[in-house]
Amino acid sequence: MAAITKLTREEYLACFTPGMHSLKEDQGTTIDLKTYFLSIVEEEKLAVDFSSVDVPHVFRDTNKEYEHILVSYGPPNNFVVILLYKRKVHGFYLLDLKDEYGLTRTDS
């Protein structure tokens, strides 16, 4: 399993490149990230509602180097973003859209 690497906001933002696009369900990664996600949950002591864990979005840059896999885990507008670089785990970032973009908890 890949090392659990928590990215800073600056490191996370550096993983965006022009031309990020959403992938369809059958275009996403084939890497099994369940063990990695569970390790993040344990390390960060996240309160996870496992019945609501979902991967609603996967984004890839046009160079096909970075993939951003957003995992919703319970709290509205909160995601564990697992970042891949060249199909290998690069790290993760805890994204709270309320803090990042000023969304309210009822926004979707």
Protein backbone atom coordinates (compact mmCIF):
# COMPACT_ATOMS: atom_id res chain seq x y z
CA MET A 1 0.00 0.00 0.00
CA ALA A 2 1.13 3.55 -0.72
CA ALA A 3 2.34 5.76 2.10
CA ILE A 4 -0.36 7.93 3.65
CA THR A 5 0.68 11.45 2.65
CA LYS A 6 -1.48 14.38 3.69
CA LEU A 7 -0.99 17.26 1.28
CA THR A 8 -0.98 20.90 2.30
CA ARG A 9 -3.39 23.25 0.57
CA GLU A 10 -0.52 24.55 -1.55
CA GLU A 11 0.54 21.02 -2.55
CA TYR A 12 -3.07 20.16 -3.37
CA LEU A 13 -3.54 23.26 -5.54
CA ALA A 14 -0.27 22.50 -7.34
CA CYS A 15 -1.90 19.28 -8.60
CA PHE A 16 -4.38 21.23 -10.73
CA THR A 17 -3.41 21.79 -14.32
CA PRO A 18 -5.30 23.59 -17.08
CA GLY A 19 -7.90 21.40 -18.70
CA MET A 20 -9.09 19.27 -15.78
CA HIS A 21 -12.14 17.32 -16.91
CA SER A 22 -14.65 15.03 -15.30
CA LEU A 23 -14.41 11.34 -16.08
CA LYS A 24 -17.30 9.01 -16.67
CA GLU A 25 -17.67 6.08 -14.32
CA ASP A 26 -15.94 3.63 -16.66
CA GLN A 27 -12.99 5.99 -17.32
CA GLY A 28 -11.73 6.35 -13.76
CA THR A 29 -8.81 4.68 -12.13
CA THR A 30 -8.54 0.93 -11.86
CA ILE A 31 -6.48 1.21 -8.67
CA ASP A 32 -8.16 -0.20 -5.55
CA LEU A 33 -8.20 2.72 -3.14
CA LYS A 34 -10.36 1.19 -0.41
CA THR A 35 -7.44 0.27 1.87
CA TYR A 36 -5.84 3.68 1.32
CA PHE A 37 -9.14 5.45 2.13
CA LEU A 38 -9.63 3.37 5.28
CA SER A 39 -6.08 4.24 6.39
CA ILE A 40 -6.86 7.94 5.93
CA VAL A 41 -10.05 7.56 7.97
CA GLU A 42 -8.08 5.91 10.76
CA GLU A 43 -5.15 8.33 10.69
CA GLU A 44 -7.33 11.47 10.53
CA LYS A 45 -9.92 10.05 12.94
CA LEU A 46 -12.72 10.99 10.54
CA ALA A 47 -16.30 10.40 11.61
CA VAL A 48 -17.42 8.39 8.60
CA ASP A 49 -20.93 7.26 7.75
CA PHE A 50 -19.90 4.20 5.74
CA SER A 51 -23.40 3.87 4.29
CA SER A 52 -22.93 7.22 2.55
CA VAL A 53 -19.36 6.79 1.24
CA ASP A 54 -19.42 7.55 -2.47
CA VAL A 55 -17.12 8.63 -5.29
CA PRO A 56 -19.23 11.30 -6.99
CA HIS A 57 -16.42 12.87 -9.04
CA VAL A 58 -13.15 11.90 -10.67
CA PHE A 59 -11.17 14.50 -12.58
CA ARG A 60 -8.13 14.07 -14.83
CA ASP A 61 -5.92 16.65 -16.47
CA THR A 62 -5.46 16.78 -20.23
CA ASN A 63 -1.90 15.40 -19.92
CA LYS A 64 -3.35 12.34 -18.15
CA GLU A 65 -0.89 12.79 -15.30
CA TYR A 66 -3.09 13.88 -12.38
CA GLU A 67 -6.34 12.33 -11.22
CA HIS A 68 -8.42 13.80 -8.40
CA ILE A 69 -10.76 11.25 -6.84
CA LEU A 70 -13.34 12.89 -4.59
CA VAL A 71 -14.72 10.60 -1.90
CA SER A 72 -17.71 11.86 0.05
CA TYR A 73 -17.83 10.32 3.50
CA GLY A 74 -20.78 11.83 5.36
CA PRO A 75 -20.62 15.54 6.21
CA PRO A 76 -22.19 17.63 3.41
CA ASN A 77 -19.67 19.26 1.08
CA ASN A 78 -16.71 17.43 2.64
CA PHE A 79 -14.46 15.12 0.64
CA VAL A 80 -11.32 13.12 0.98
CA VAL A 81 -9.57 13.93 -2.28
CA ILE A 82 -7.17 11.16 -3.26
CA LEU A 83 -4.64 12.42 -5.77
CA LEU A 84 -2.90 10.19 -8.25
CA TYR A 85 0.12 11.19 -10.28
CA LYS A 86 0.84 9.02 -13.29
CA ARG A 87 -1.56 6.39 -11.93
CA LYS A 88 0.18 6.14 -8.54
CA VAL A 89 -1.05 7.54 -5.23
CA HIS A 90 0.48 10.96 -4.66
CA GLY A 91 -1.38 11.84 -1.45
CA PHE A 92 -4.67 13.09 -0.10
CA TYR A 93 -6.33 16.35 0.87
CA LEU A 94 -9.31 16.98 3.13
CA LEU A 95 -11.55 19.30 1.13
CA ASP A 96 -14.29 21.23 2.91
CA LEU A 97 -16.15 23.23 0.27
CA LYS A 98 -17.63 25.47 2.97
CA ASP A 99 -14.18 26.60 4.06
CA GLU A 100 -12.67 26.57 0.56
CA TYR A 101 -15.45 28.34 -1.35
CA GLY A 102 -17.85 29.70 1.27
CA LEU A 103 -20.62 27.18 0.59
CA THR A 104 -23.23 26.62 3.26
CA ARG A 105 -23.92 23.17 4.62
CA THR A 106 -27.19 23.00 2.68
CA ASP A 107 -25.60 23.86 -0.68
CA SER A 108 -24.98 20.95 -3.01
